[in-house]
Amino acid sequence: MGFPTKLLGPDEHLVLVLRRHAKVLFWPAVLVIATVPAATFLSALVPNGDVQLYARAAIVLVAALVLLRWAVWPFLRWWTTTYAITDRRLVIRSGVFARSGHDMPLSRLNDVSFSHGVIGRMLGFGTLVVESAGERGQLVLEEVPKVEQVQRTLYRLSDDVRDRAARGERGLPYDDQDDAGYAAQDGDTVPLSRDGRRRGGNDNPTIQFDRTRAYDRGDQPDGR
C-alpha cells in the first residue's frame, strides 16, 4: 500500500501502512454481483416497441446510480483512508475529494487498547482506541486489520521515542555516539572546533560550561 514519502519528516521512517479491513467491502461486492445480472434480466424483459430503448436506458441508469452510491463510493472511501505508523507518529488521512488528516506524536501516547467480537477475531480485525495527552484526548480507529499487532507496535515505538527523548534530556542524543558505540559523558575530554563547539554539531550545555571555565583559565581545548 502506497504512502506519500513527502509526508515524512527528515530521518522519519515508515513502519506500517494500513487500510480498514476488507470486510467493509463485503456488502458493496454483493451489491455489484446482484445488480448487474438483475439489470440485464430486466432489460431483456422490456417488450419491443417505441419505448424499448428508453426503458432499457432507464434501467441501466438506475443500476449505475445504485452502484455508484452503494458500491463505488464505499470503495473510494476505503481506498483513500489510510492509517500509517512511523517511528515518530501515527498518521491518519482520509477523504476522496476533500482530504482531512490527523497526526498524533508517539511521545504523547498514553494508552492503546483494542476490542473485537467473535467475527473480528475470526477475520483478524478490531477497534483500536489510542489515548494521548493532547486536547483531542482519544482517537478511535475502526476495522483495523491485525489490531493486536498494531497495538504492540505502537507501544514499542512509543517506548523507543521516550527512550530517545530521555537520552536527549541528559545530553545523550540517540545517535551521539562514536564509532565504538560510546556515548559522551559530562566531564569527558571532547574534540572542539575553534569556536568552542563539539565537532558534529552537538552542544551539551554542561560540557559547554566546563569549556568556558577552561578558556577563563587560559587553557587550550584539545583538537584545535
N, C-alpha and C. Protein backbone atom coordinates (compact mmCIF):
# COMPACT_ATOMS: atom_id res chain seq x y z
N MET A 1 0.85 -1.19 0.00
CA MET A 1 0.00 0.00 0.00
C MET A 1 0.88 1.23 0.00
N GLY A 2 0.61 2.15 -0.90
CA GLY A 2 1.45 3.32 -1.02
C GLY A 2 1.14 4.36 0.03
N PHE A 3 2.19 5.09 0.40
CA PHE A 3 2.05 6.22 1.32
C PHE A 3 3.02 7.29 0.84
N PRO A 4 2.55 8.54 0.65
CA PRO A 4 3.41 9.59 0.10
C PRO A 4 4.62 9.85 1.00
N THR A 5 5.80 9.67 0.45
CA THR A 5 7.01 9.91 1.23
C THR A 5 7.19 11.39 1.56
N LYS A 6 6.50 12.27 0.82
CA LYS A 6 6.62 13.70 1.11
C LYS A 6 6.00 14.06 2.46
N LEU A 7 5.17 13.17 3.01
CA LEU A 7 4.58 13.42 4.32
C LEU A 7 5.52 13.07 5.47
N LEU A 8 6.63 12.42 5.15
CA LEU A 8 7.58 12.03 6.19
C LEU A 8 8.58 13.15 6.45
N GLY A 9 8.94 13.30 7.71
CA GLY A 9 9.93 14.29 8.08
C GLY A 9 11.34 13.79 7.86
N PRO A 10 12.34 14.64 8.08
CA PRO A 10 13.73 14.21 7.95
C PRO A 10 14.04 13.06 8.91
N ASP A 11 14.67 12.02 8.38
CA ASP A 11 15.07 10.85 9.17
C ASP A 11 13.88 10.13 9.80
N GLU A 12 12.68 10.34 9.26
CA GLU A 12 11.50 9.62 9.74
C GLU A 12 11.27 8.40 8.87
N HIS A 13 10.98 7.27 9.50
CA HIS A 13 10.86 6.01 8.78
C HIS A 13 9.45 5.43 8.92
N LEU A 14 8.95 4.91 7.82
CA LEU A 14 7.62 4.31 7.79
C LEU A 14 7.70 2.88 8.32
N VAL A 15 6.78 2.55 9.24
CA VAL A 15 6.77 1.23 9.86
C VAL A 15 5.60 0.39 9.35
N LEU A 16 4.39 0.95 9.38
CA LEU A 16 3.19 0.24 8.94
C LEU A 16 2.29 1.18 8.15
N VAL A 17 1.65 0.66 7.12
CA VAL A 17 0.60 1.38 6.40
C VAL A 17 -0.60 0.44 6.30
N LEU A 18 -1.75 0.91 6.79
CA LEU A 18 -2.93 0.07 6.85
C LEU A 18 -4.13 0.78 6.24
N ARG A 19 -5.06 -0.02 5.76
CA ARG A 19 -6.40 0.46 5.44
C ARG A 19 -7.38 -0.33 6.29
N ARG A 20 -8.63 0.14 6.34
CA ARG A 20 -9.64 -0.61 7.08
C ARG A 20 -9.76 -2.01 6.50
N HIS A 21 -10.15 -2.94 7.33
CA HIS A 21 -10.23 -4.33 6.91
C HIS A 21 -11.15 -4.46 5.70
N ALA A 22 -10.80 -5.39 4.81
CA ALA A 22 -11.55 -5.55 3.56
C ALA A 22 -12.98 -6.00 3.77
N LYS A 23 -13.34 -6.37 4.98
CA LYS A 23 -14.72 -6.80 5.23
C LYS A 23 -15.71 -5.67 4.98
N VAL A 24 -15.24 -4.41 5.04
CA VAL A 24 -16.14 -3.28 4.78
C VAL A 24 -16.59 -3.26 3.32
N LEU A 25 -15.90 -4.02 2.46
CA LEU A 25 -16.29 -4.08 1.04
C LEU A 25 -17.18 -5.28 0.74
N PHE A 26 -17.57 -6.02 1.77
CA PHE A 26 -18.37 -7.22 1.52
C PHE A 26 -19.72 -6.89 0.89
N TRP A 27 -20.50 -6.00 1.53
CA TRP A 27 -21.82 -5.67 1.01
C TRP A 27 -21.75 -4.92 -0.31
N PRO A 28 -20.82 -3.98 -0.53
CA PRO A 28 -20.68 -3.41 -1.88
C PRO A 28 -20.42 -4.47 -2.94
N ALA A 29 -19.59 -5.47 -2.62
CA ALA A 29 -19.33 -6.53 -3.60
C ALA A 29 -20.59 -7.34 -3.87
N VAL A 30 -21.35 -7.63 -2.82
CA VAL A 30 -22.61 -8.37 -3.00
C VAL A 30 -23.57 -7.56 -3.88
N LEU A 31 -23.60 -6.25 -3.66
CA LEU A 31 -24.49 -5.39 -4.45
C LEU A 31 -24.12 -5.43 -5.93
N VAL A 32 -22.83 -5.39 -6.23
CA VAL A 32 -22.39 -5.46 -7.63
C VAL A 32 -22.80 -6.79 -8.25
N ILE A 33 -22.58 -7.86 -7.52
CA ILE A 33 -22.92 -9.20 -8.04
C ILE A 33 -24.41 -9.34 -8.29
N ALA A 34 -25.24 -8.69 -7.47
CA ALA A 34 -26.69 -8.81 -7.63
C ALA A 34 -27.24 -7.83 -8.64
N THR A 35 -26.68 -6.62 -8.69
CA THR A 35 -27.27 -5.57 -9.52
C THR A 35 -27.04 -5.80 -11.01
N VAL A 36 -25.84 -6.20 -11.38
CA VAL A 36 -25.54 -6.36 -12.80
C VAL A 36 -26.43 -7.43 -13.45
N PRO A 37 -26.56 -8.63 -12.90
CA PRO A 37 -27.47 -9.60 -13.52
C PRO A 37 -28.93 -9.14 -13.48
N ALA A 38 -29.34 -8.49 -12.39
CA ALA A 38 -30.73 -8.03 -12.30
C ALA A 38 -31.03 -7.01 -13.37
N ALA A 39 -30.11 -6.05 -13.58
CA ALA A 39 -30.34 -5.04 -14.61
C ALA A 39 -30.38 -5.67 -16.00
N THR A 40 -29.52 -6.65 -16.22
CA THR A 40 -29.52 -7.35 -17.51
C THR A 40 -30.82 -8.11 -17.73
N PHE A 41 -31.30 -8.76 -16.68
CA PHE A 41 -32.54 -9.53 -16.77
C PHE A 41 -33.74 -8.61 -17.04
N LEU A 42 -33.82 -7.49 -16.32
CA LEU A 42 -34.93 -6.57 -16.52
C LEU A 42 -34.90 -5.94 -17.91
N SER A 43 -33.72 -5.66 -18.40
CA SER A 43 -33.62 -5.09 -19.76
C SER A 43 -34.11 -6.08 -20.80
N ALA A 44 -33.86 -7.35 -20.56
CA ALA A 44 -34.32 -8.36 -21.52
C ALA A 44 -35.82 -8.54 -21.49
N LEU A 45 -36.47 -8.19 -20.38
CA LEU A 45 -37.92 -8.33 -20.27
C LEU A 45 -38.70 -7.21 -20.94
N VAL A 46 -38.01 -6.12 -21.28
CA VAL A 46 -38.71 -4.98 -21.89
C VAL A 46 -39.21 -5.40 -23.28
N PRO A 47 -40.52 -5.26 -23.55
CA PRO A 47 -41.06 -5.68 -24.85
C PRO A 47 -40.61 -4.76 -25.98
N ASN A 48 -40.67 -5.31 -27.18
CA ASN A 48 -40.31 -4.50 -28.34
C ASN A 48 -41.32 -3.37 -28.51
N GLY A 49 -40.85 -2.27 -29.07
CA GLY A 49 -41.74 -1.15 -29.29
C GLY A 49 -40.97 0.16 -29.26
N ASP A 50 -41.72 1.23 -29.34
CA ASP A 50 -41.07 2.54 -29.39
C ASP A 50 -40.38 2.90 -28.08
N VAL A 51 -40.86 2.38 -26.96
CA VAL A 51 -40.31 2.76 -25.66
C VAL A 51 -39.21 1.82 -25.18
N GLN A 52 -38.90 0.80 -26.00
CA GLN A 52 -37.92 -0.18 -25.55
C GLN A 52 -36.57 0.46 -25.24
N LEU A 53 -36.11 1.30 -26.14
CA LEU A 53 -34.81 1.94 -25.96
C LEU A 53 -34.79 2.79 -24.70
N TYR A 54 -35.84 3.58 -24.49
CA TYR A 54 -35.90 4.45 -23.30
C TYR A 54 -36.02 3.65 -22.01
N ALA A 55 -36.78 2.57 -22.04
CA ALA A 55 -36.95 1.74 -20.85
C ALA A 55 -35.63 1.07 -20.46
N ARG A 56 -34.94 0.55 -21.44
CA ARG A 56 -33.65 -0.07 -21.14
C ARG A 56 -32.63 0.95 -20.65
N ALA A 57 -32.65 2.13 -21.23
CA ALA A 57 -31.73 3.19 -20.78
C ALA A 57 -32.04 3.58 -19.34
N ALA A 58 -33.34 3.62 -19.00
CA ALA A 58 -33.71 3.97 -17.63
C ALA A 58 -33.23 2.91 -16.64
N ILE A 59 -33.37 1.63 -17.02
CA ILE A 59 -32.91 0.55 -16.15
C ILE A 59 -31.40 0.63 -15.94
N VAL A 60 -30.66 0.84 -17.00
CA VAL A 60 -29.20 0.95 -16.90
C VAL A 60 -28.81 2.14 -16.04
N LEU A 61 -29.52 3.27 -16.22
CA LEU A 61 -29.21 4.47 -15.45
C LEU A 61 -29.44 4.24 -13.96
N VAL A 62 -30.57 3.63 -13.61
CA VAL A 62 -30.86 3.36 -12.20
C VAL A 62 -29.82 2.42 -11.61
N ALA A 63 -29.47 1.37 -12.36
CA ALA A 63 -28.47 0.43 -11.87
C ALA A 63 -27.12 1.11 -11.67
N ALA A 64 -26.75 1.99 -12.60
CA ALA A 64 -25.47 2.70 -12.48
C ALA A 64 -25.46 3.62 -11.25
N LEU A 65 -26.58 4.32 -11.01
CA LEU A 65 -26.65 5.20 -9.84
C LEU A 65 -26.57 4.41 -8.54
N VAL A 66 -27.24 3.26 -8.51
CA VAL A 66 -27.18 2.41 -7.31
C VAL A 66 -25.76 1.95 -7.05
N LEU A 67 -25.06 1.53 -8.11
CA LEU A 67 -23.69 1.05 -7.95
C LEU A 67 -22.75 2.17 -7.54
N LEU A 68 -22.94 3.35 -8.13
CA LEU A 68 -22.08 4.48 -7.76
C LEU A 68 -22.23 4.86 -6.30
N ARG A 69 -23.47 4.87 -5.82
CA ARG A 69 -23.71 5.31 -4.45
C ARG A 69 -23.32 4.27 -3.42
N TRP A 70 -23.67 3.01 -3.64
CA TRP A 70 -23.50 2.00 -2.60
C TRP A 70 -22.40 0.98 -2.88
N ALA A 71 -21.68 1.13 -3.99
CA ALA A 71 -20.57 0.22 -4.28
C ALA A 71 -19.28 0.99 -4.58
N VAL A 72 -19.33 1.88 -5.56
CA VAL A 72 -18.12 2.62 -5.94
C VAL A 72 -17.70 3.59 -4.85
N TRP A 73 -18.67 4.34 -4.30
CA TRP A 73 -18.34 5.32 -3.28
C TRP A 73 -17.74 4.69 -2.02
N PRO A 74 -18.31 3.61 -1.47
CA PRO A 74 -17.65 2.97 -0.33
C PRO A 74 -16.24 2.47 -0.65
N PHE A 75 -16.06 1.98 -1.88
CA PHE A 75 -14.72 1.53 -2.26
C PHE A 75 -13.74 2.70 -2.28
N LEU A 76 -14.13 3.84 -2.82
CA LEU A 76 -13.24 5.00 -2.87
C LEU A 76 -12.92 5.49 -1.46
N ARG A 77 -13.91 5.49 -0.58
CA ARG A 77 -13.65 5.90 0.81
C ARG A 77 -12.68 4.95 1.48
N TRP A 78 -12.85 3.65 1.23
CA TRP A 78 -11.92 2.67 1.80
C TRP A 78 -10.51 2.86 1.25
N TRP A 79 -10.39 3.08 -0.04
CA TRP A 79 -9.08 3.21 -0.68
C TRP A 79 -8.33 4.47 -0.23
N THR A 80 -9.05 5.54 0.01
CA THR A 80 -8.41 6.81 0.34
C THR A 80 -8.25 7.04 1.84
N THR A 81 -8.66 6.09 2.66
CA THR A 81 -8.46 6.19 4.11
C THR A 81 -7.30 5.31 4.51
N THR A 82 -6.25 5.92 5.06
CA THR A 82 -5.05 5.17 5.43
C THR A 82 -4.65 5.48 6.86
N TYR A 83 -4.17 4.45 7.53
CA TYR A 83 -3.57 4.58 8.85
C TYR A 83 -2.08 4.24 8.69
N ALA A 84 -1.23 5.21 8.92
CA ALA A 84 0.21 5.00 8.78
C ALA A 84 0.88 5.19 10.14
N ILE A 85 1.83 4.32 10.44
CA ILE A 85 2.61 4.42 11.67
C ILE A 85 4.07 4.58 11.30
N THR A 86 4.67 5.67 11.74
CA THR A 86 6.09 5.88 11.55
C THR A 86 6.79 5.70 12.90
N ASP A 87 8.11 5.88 12.90
CA ASP A 87 8.83 5.77 14.16
C ASP A 87 8.69 7.01 15.03
N ARG A 88 7.82 7.96 14.61
CA ARG A 88 7.60 9.18 15.39
C ARG A 88 6.14 9.48 15.67
N ARG A 89 5.21 9.04 14.80
CA ARG A 89 3.83 9.47 14.94
C ARG A 89 2.87 8.50 14.27
N LEU A 90 1.60 8.68 14.63
CA LEU A 90 0.50 7.99 13.98
C LEU A 90 -0.15 8.97 13.02
N VAL A 91 -0.25 8.59 11.75
CA VAL A 91 -0.74 9.49 10.71
C VAL A 91 -2.03 8.92 10.12
N ILE A 92 -3.08 9.72 10.10
CA ILE A 92 -4.37 9.30 9.54
C ILE A 92 -4.74 10.26 8.43
N ARG A 93 -5.07 9.73 7.26
CA ARG A 93 -5.50 10.53 6.13
C ARG A 93 -6.76 9.91 5.55
N SER A 94 -7.74 10.76 5.21
CA SER A 94 -9.00 10.26 4.65
C SER A 94 -9.62 11.33 3.77
N GLY A 95 -10.55 10.91 2.92
CA GLY A 95 -11.26 11.84 2.05
C GLY A 95 -11.02 11.55 0.59
N VAL A 96 -12.09 11.51 -0.19
CA VAL A 96 -11.99 11.26 -1.63
C VAL A 96 -11.66 12.54 -2.37
N PHE A 97 -12.44 13.57 -2.17
CA PHE A 97 -12.21 14.86 -2.83
C PHE A 97 -11.62 15.87 -1.84
N ALA A 98 -12.30 16.08 -0.73
CA ALA A 98 -11.77 16.95 0.33
C ALA A 98 -11.02 16.08 1.33
N ARG A 99 -9.72 16.30 1.45
CA ARG A 99 -8.89 15.48 2.31
C ARG A 99 -8.85 16.02 3.73
N SER A 100 -8.77 15.14 4.69
CA SER A 100 -8.61 15.52 6.09
C SER A 100 -7.57 14.59 6.72
N GLY A 101 -6.96 15.04 7.79
CA GLY A 101 -5.93 14.22 8.41
C GLY A 101 -5.75 14.55 9.87
N HIS A 102 -5.11 13.63 10.56
CA HIS A 102 -4.79 13.82 11.97
C HIS A 102 -3.47 13.13 12.26
N ASP A 103 -2.56 13.83 12.92
CA ASP A 103 -1.27 13.28 13.31
C ASP A 103 -1.18 13.25 14.84
N MET A 104 -0.74 12.14 15.38
CA MET A 104 -0.55 12.02 16.83
C MET A 104 0.90 11.65 17.11
N PRO A 105 1.68 12.54 17.71
CA PRO A 105 3.06 12.18 18.07
C PRO A 105 3.09 11.02 19.06
N LEU A 106 3.95 10.07 18.82
CA LEU A 106 4.03 8.91 19.71
C LEU A 106 4.55 9.29 21.09
N SER A 107 5.22 10.42 21.19
CA SER A 107 5.71 10.86 22.50
C SER A 107 4.56 11.25 23.43
N ARG A 108 3.37 11.54 22.88
CA ARG A 108 2.22 11.93 23.70
C ARG A 108 1.27 10.76 23.95
N LEU A 109 1.62 9.60 23.45
CA LEU A 109 0.73 8.45 23.57
C LEU A 109 0.71 7.95 25.02
N ASN A 110 -0.49 7.85 25.59
CA ASN A 110 -0.65 7.40 26.96
C ASN A 110 -1.09 5.94 27.06
N ASP A 111 -2.05 5.57 26.21
CA ASP A 111 -2.60 4.21 26.31
C ASP A 111 -3.15 3.78 24.96
N VAL A 112 -3.03 2.49 24.67
CA VAL A 112 -3.57 1.90 23.45
C VAL A 112 -4.34 0.64 23.83
N SER A 113 -5.60 0.59 23.50
CA SER A 113 -6.42 -0.58 23.80
C SER A 113 -7.15 -1.02 22.54
N PHE A 114 -7.60 -2.26 22.52
CA PHE A 114 -8.33 -2.77 21.37
C PHE A 114 -9.47 -3.65 21.84
N SER A 115 -10.43 -3.84 20.96
CA SER A 115 -11.55 -4.75 21.22
C SER A 115 -12.00 -5.35 19.91
N HIS A 116 -12.48 -6.59 19.96
CA HIS A 116 -13.06 -7.21 18.79
C HIS A 116 -14.01 -8.32 19.22
N GLY A 117 -15.04 -8.49 18.42
CA GLY A 117 -16.02 -9.53 18.71
C GLY A 117 -15.60 -10.85 18.11
N VAL A 118 -16.56 -11.77 18.05
CA VAL A 118 -16.28 -13.11 17.53
C VAL A 118 -15.88 -13.04 16.06
N ILE A 119 -16.63 -12.27 15.27
CA ILE A 119 -16.32 -12.17 13.85
C ILE A 119 -14.97 -11.48 13.66
N GLY A 120 -14.72 -10.46 14.47
CA GLY A 120 -13.44 -9.76 14.37
C GLY A 120 -12.27 -10.68 14.68
N ARG A 121 -12.42 -11.55 15.66
CA ARG A 121 -11.34 -12.49 15.98
C ARG A 121 -11.15 -13.49 14.85
N MET A 122 -12.24 -13.91 14.22
CA MET A 122 -12.14 -14.87 13.13
C MET A 122 -11.48 -14.26 11.90
N LEU A 123 -11.83 -13.02 11.60
CA LEU A 123 -11.31 -12.37 10.39
C LEU A 123 -10.06 -11.54 10.64
N GLY A 124 -9.71 -11.32 11.90
CA GLY A 124 -8.48 -10.61 12.20
C GLY A 124 -8.57 -9.11 12.13
N PHE A 125 -9.62 -8.52 12.71
CA PHE A 125 -9.73 -7.07 12.76
C PHE A 125 -10.38 -6.67 14.08
N GLY A 126 -10.31 -5.37 14.39
CA GLY A 126 -10.91 -4.89 15.62
C GLY A 126 -10.88 -3.38 15.68
N THR A 127 -11.33 -2.85 16.80
CA THR A 127 -11.34 -1.41 17.05
C THR A 127 -10.17 -1.04 17.94
N LEU A 128 -9.42 -0.05 17.51
CA LEU A 128 -8.24 0.40 18.24
C LEU A 128 -8.55 1.76 18.86
N VAL A 129 -8.31 1.91 20.16
CA VAL A 129 -8.53 3.17 20.87
C VAL A 129 -7.17 3.69 21.34
N VAL A 130 -6.79 4.85 20.84
CA VAL A 130 -5.50 5.45 21.17
C VAL A 130 -5.75 6.71 21.98
N GLU A 131 -5.18 6.77 23.16
CA GLU A 131 -5.34 7.93 24.04
C GLU A 131 -4.02 8.67 24.14
N SER A 132 -4.12 10.00 24.05
CA SER A 132 -2.93 10.83 24.12
C SER A 132 -3.14 11.94 25.13
N ALA A 133 -2.05 12.67 25.40
CA ALA A 133 -2.10 13.77 26.35
C ALA A 133 -2.54 15.08 25.71
N GLY A 134 -2.90 15.06 24.43
CA GLY A 134 -3.30 16.28 23.75
C GLY A 134 -4.73 16.68 24.05
N GLU A 135 -5.18 17.75 23.37
CA GLU A 135 -6.52 18.28 23.60
C GLU A 135 -7.60 17.32 23.12
N ARG A 136 -7.34 16.60 22.03
CA ARG A 136 -8.37 15.73 21.46
C ARG A 136 -8.51 14.44 22.25
N GLY A 137 -7.49 14.11 23.05
CA GLY A 137 -7.60 13.04 24.02
C GLY A 137 -7.62 11.64 23.45
N GLN A 138 -8.71 11.26 22.79
CA GLN A 138 -8.92 9.87 22.38
C GLN A 138 -9.19 9.78 20.89
N LEU A 139 -8.58 8.77 20.28
CA LEU A 139 -8.74 8.54 18.85
C LEU A 139 -9.20 7.11 18.66
N VAL A 140 -10.33 6.92 17.97
CA VAL A 140 -10.91 5.59 17.76
C VAL A 140 -10.79 5.22 16.29
N LEU A 141 -10.11 4.10 16.03
CA LEU A 141 -9.93 3.60 14.67
C LEU A 141 -10.68 2.28 14.56
N GLU A 142 -11.60 2.19 13.61
CA GLU A 142 -12.44 1.01 13.48
C GLU A 142 -11.97 0.13 12.31
N GLU A 143 -12.31 -1.16 12.41
CA GLU A 143 -11.96 -2.15 11.40
C GLU A 143 -10.46 -2.14 11.08
N VAL A 144 -9.65 -2.11 12.12
CA VAL A 144 -8.20 -2.13 11.94
C VAL A 144 -7.73 -3.57 11.77
N PRO A 145 -7.08 -3.92 10.65
CA PRO A 145 -6.59 -5.29 10.49
C PRO A 145 -5.40 -5.56 11.41
N LYS A 146 -5.29 -6.81 11.87
CA LYS A 146 -4.20 -7.23 12.76
C LYS A 146 -4.08 -6.26 13.94
N VAL A 147 -5.20 -6.02 14.61
CA VAL A 147 -5.28 -4.96 15.61
C VAL A 147 -4.32 -5.21 16.78
N GLU A 148 -4.13 -6.47 17.17
CA GLU A 148 -3.22 -6.75 18.29
C GLU A 148 -1.78 -6.43 17.92
N GLN A 149 -1.40 -6.75 16.69
CA GLN A 149 -0.05 -6.43 16.24
C GLN A 149 0.16 -4.92 16.18
N VAL A 150 -0.86 -4.20 15.73
CA VAL A 150 -0.76 -2.74 15.66
C VAL A 150 -0.61 -2.16 17.07
N GLN A 151 -1.37 -2.69 18.03
CA GLN A 151 -1.25 -2.20 19.40
C GLN A 151 0.17 -2.41 19.94
N ARG A 152 0.73 -3.59 19.75
CA ARG A 152 2.09 -3.86 20.23
C ARG A 152 3.11 -2.96 19.54
N THR A 153 2.91 -2.73 18.24
CA THR A 153 3.84 -1.87 17.50
C THR A 153 3.81 -0.45 18.04
N LEU A 154 2.63 0.07 18.31
CA LEU A 154 2.53 1.43 18.84
C LEU A 154 3.20 1.54 20.20
N TYR A 155 2.99 0.56 21.07
CA TYR A 155 3.64 0.58 22.38
C TYR A 155 5.16 0.56 22.24
N ARG A 156 5.65 -0.31 21.38
CA ARG A 156 7.10 -0.43 21.22
C ARG A 156 7.71 0.86 20.68
N LEU A 157 7.09 1.44 19.66
CA LEU A 157 7.61 2.67 19.08
C LEU A 157 7.51 3.83 20.06
N SER A 158 6.42 3.87 20.83
CA SER A 158 6.27 4.93 21.83
C SER A 158 7.36 4.84 22.88
N ASP A 159 7.69 3.62 23.32
CA ASP A 159 8.78 3.45 24.28
C ASP A 159 10.11 3.88 23.68
N ASP A 160 10.32 3.56 22.40
CA ASP A 160 11.57 3.97 21.76
C ASP A 160 11.69 5.49 21.70
N VAL A 161 10.59 6.16 21.38
CA VAL A 161 10.60 7.62 21.30
C VAL A 161 10.92 8.22 22.67
N ARG A 162 10.31 7.68 23.72
CA ARG A 162 10.57 8.20 25.06
C ARG A 162 12.01 7.94 25.50
N ASP A 163 12.55 6.78 25.11
CA ASP A 163 13.94 6.49 25.45
C ASP A 163 14.88 7.49 24.77
N ARG A 164 14.62 7.79 23.51
CA ARG A 164 15.47 8.76 22.81
C ARG A 164 15.34 10.14 23.41
N ALA A 165 14.11 10.51 23.81
CA ALA A 165 13.92 11.82 24.43
C ALA A 165 14.64 11.89 25.77
N ALA A 166 14.62 10.81 26.54
CA ALA A 166 15.30 10.80 27.83
C ALA A 166 16.80 10.94 27.65
N ARG A 167 17.35 10.28 26.66
CA ARG A 167 18.78 10.43 26.39
C ARG A 167 19.11 11.87 26.01
N GLY A 168 18.25 12.50 25.24
CA GLY A 168 18.49 13.88 24.85
C GLY A 168 18.45 14.82 26.03
N GLU A 169 17.57 14.59 27.00
CA GLU A 169 17.48 15.45 28.19
C GLU A 169 18.73 15.35 29.05
N ARG A 170 19.39 14.20 29.02
CA ARG A 170 20.60 14.02 29.80
C ARG A 170 21.84 14.38 29.01
N GLY A 171 21.65 14.95 27.82
CA GLY A 171 22.79 15.28 26.99
C GLY A 171 23.33 14.10 26.23
N LEU A 172 22.50 13.04 26.08
CA LEU A 172 22.92 11.85 25.38
C LEU A 172 21.99 11.57 24.22
N PRO A 173 22.10 12.31 23.14
CA PRO A 173 21.23 12.06 22.00
C PRO A 173 21.37 10.63 21.51
N TYR A 174 20.32 10.15 20.89
CA TYR A 174 20.24 8.75 20.48
C TYR A 174 21.39 8.35 19.57
N ASP A 175 21.78 9.26 18.66
CA ASP A 175 22.83 8.93 17.69
C ASP A 175 24.16 9.55 18.04
N ASP A 176 24.28 10.17 19.22
CA ASP A 176 25.50 10.87 19.56
C ASP A 176 26.49 9.90 20.19
N GLN A 177 27.03 9.02 19.35
CA GLN A 177 27.98 8.02 19.80
C GLN A 177 29.15 7.97 18.84
N ASP A 178 30.32 7.58 19.37
CA ASP A 178 31.47 7.44 18.50
C ASP A 178 31.42 6.09 17.80
N ASP A 179 32.46 5.79 17.04
CA ASP A 179 32.46 4.56 16.25
C ASP A 179 32.42 3.33 17.12
N ALA A 180 32.89 3.41 18.36
CA ALA A 180 32.89 2.24 19.24
C ALA A 180 31.58 2.09 19.99
N GLY A 181 30.62 2.99 19.77
CA GLY A 181 29.33 2.90 20.44
C GLY A 181 29.33 3.57 21.79
N TYR A 182 30.33 4.39 22.11
CA TYR A 182 30.40 5.04 23.41
C TYR A 182 29.74 6.40 23.34
N ALA A 183 28.87 6.70 24.31
CA ALA A 183 28.19 7.98 24.35
C ALA A 183 28.95 8.90 25.29
N ALA A 184 29.19 10.15 24.85
CA ALA A 184 29.98 11.09 25.64
C ALA A 184 29.28 11.42 26.94
N GLN A 185 30.05 11.54 28.04
CA GLN A 185 29.53 11.88 29.34
C GLN A 185 30.04 13.26 29.74
N ASP A 186 29.31 13.94 30.65
CA ASP A 186 29.75 15.23 31.15
C ASP A 186 31.12 15.08 31.82
N GLY A 187 32.01 15.98 31.52
CA GLY A 187 33.34 15.94 32.10
C GLY A 187 34.36 15.23 31.23
N ASP A 188 33.91 14.53 30.14
CA ASP A 188 34.86 13.88 29.25
C ASP A 188 35.61 14.91 28.44
N THR A 189 36.79 14.53 27.94
CA THR A 189 37.53 15.37 27.01
C THR A 189 36.94 15.15 25.64
N VAL A 190 36.48 16.22 25.01
CA VAL A 190 35.83 16.11 23.72
C VAL A 190 36.54 17.01 22.73
N PRO A 191 36.70 16.58 21.47
CA PRO A 191 37.32 17.43 20.45
C PRO A 191 36.44 18.63 20.17
N LEU A 192 37.05 19.82 20.10
CA LEU A 192 36.33 21.05 19.85
C LEU A 192 36.86 21.72 18.61
N SER A 193 36.00 22.51 17.98
CA SER A 193 36.45 23.40 16.92
C SER A 193 36.89 24.70 17.56
N ARG A 194 37.34 25.64 16.74
CA ARG A 194 37.88 26.88 17.28
C ARG A 194 36.83 27.74 17.97
N ASP A 195 35.57 27.56 17.64
CA ASP A 195 34.53 28.37 18.28
C ASP A 195 34.03 27.73 19.58
N GLY A 196 34.68 26.64 20.01
CA GLY A 196 34.32 26.04 21.28
C GLY A 196 33.20 25.04 21.21
N ARG A 197 32.72 24.70 20.01
CA ARG A 197 31.64 23.73 19.87
C ARG A 197 32.21 22.35 19.57
N ARG A 198 31.50 21.35 20.04
CA ARG A 198 31.93 19.99 19.75
C ARG A 198 31.76 19.70 18.28
N ARG A 199 32.73 19.00 17.69
CA ARG A 199 32.62 18.61 16.30
C ARG A 199 31.46 17.64 16.14
N GLY A 200 30.66 17.85 15.10
CA GLY A 200 29.48 17.01 14.87
C GLY A 200 28.21 17.76 15.16
N GLY A 201 28.29 18.98 15.71
CA GLY A 201 27.10 19.81 15.86
C GLY A 201 26.41 19.69 17.17
N ASN A 202 26.71 18.69 18.04
CA ASN A 202 26.03 18.57 19.32
C ASN A 202 26.66 19.52 20.32
N ASP A 203 25.86 20.18 21.14
CA ASP A 203 26.36 21.18 22.06
C ASP A 203 25.72 20.97 23.41
N ASN A 204 26.30 20.12 24.24
CA ASN A 204 25.75 19.84 25.55
C ASN A 204 25.99 21.02 26.47
N PRO A 205 24.97 21.61 27.12
CA PRO A 205 25.16 22.80 27.94
C PRO A 205 26.13 22.58 29.08
N THR A 206 26.11 21.40 29.72
CA THR A 206 27.00 21.15 30.86
C THR A 206 28.45 21.12 30.41
N ILE A 207 28.72 20.41 29.30
CA ILE A 207 30.08 20.35 28.78
C ILE A 207 30.52 21.72 28.31
N GLN A 208 29.62 22.49 27.67
CA GLN A 208 29.97 23.82 27.19
C GLN A 208 30.37 24.72 28.37
N PHE A 209 29.71 24.57 29.53
CA PHE A 209 30.05 25.38 30.70
C PHE A 209 31.46 25.06 31.18
N ASP A 210 31.84 23.76 31.16
CA ASP A 210 33.19 23.38 31.56
C ASP A 210 34.22 23.97 30.61
N ARG A 211 33.90 24.03 29.30
CA ARG A 211 34.82 24.61 28.33
C ARG A 211 35.03 26.09 28.60
N THR A 212 33.98 26.79 28.97
CA THR A 212 34.09 28.22 29.22
C THR A 212 35.03 28.48 30.38
N ARG A 213 34.94 27.67 31.42
CA ARG A 213 35.85 27.83 32.54
C ARG A 213 37.29 27.53 32.11
N ALA A 214 37.46 26.57 31.20
CA ALA A 214 38.81 26.26 30.73
C ALA A 214 39.40 27.45 29.99
N TYR A 215 38.57 28.14 29.19
CA TYR A 215 39.04 29.33 28.49
C TYR A 215 39.43 30.41 29.49
N ASP A 216 38.66 30.57 30.57
CA ASP A 216 38.97 31.59 31.56
C ASP A 216 40.31 31.33 32.22
N ARG A 217 40.66 30.03 32.35
CA ARG A 217 41.95 29.71 32.97
C ARG A 217 43.10 29.82 31.98
N GLY A 218 42.78 30.08 30.72
CA GLY A 218 43.83 30.21 29.72
C GLY A 218 44.22 28.91 29.09
N ASP A 219 43.46 27.79 29.39
CA ASP A 219 43.79 26.51 28.80
C ASP A 219 43.33 26.48 27.34
N GLN A 220 43.90 25.62 26.58
CA GLN A 220 43.52 25.45 25.19
C GLN A 220 42.80 24.13 25.04
N PRO A 221 41.69 24.10 24.31
CA PRO A 221 40.96 22.85 24.08
C PRO A 221 41.74 21.90 23.18
N ASP A 222 41.47 20.62 23.39
CA ASP A 222 42.10 19.62 22.52
C ASP A 222 41.53 19.71 21.12
N GLY A 223 42.29 19.23 20.16
CA GLY A 223 41.80 19.09 18.80
C GLY A 223 41.66 20.38 18.05
N ARG A 224 42.54 21.42 18.34
CA ARG A 224 42.43 22.67 17.60
C ARG A 224 42.74 22.44 16.13
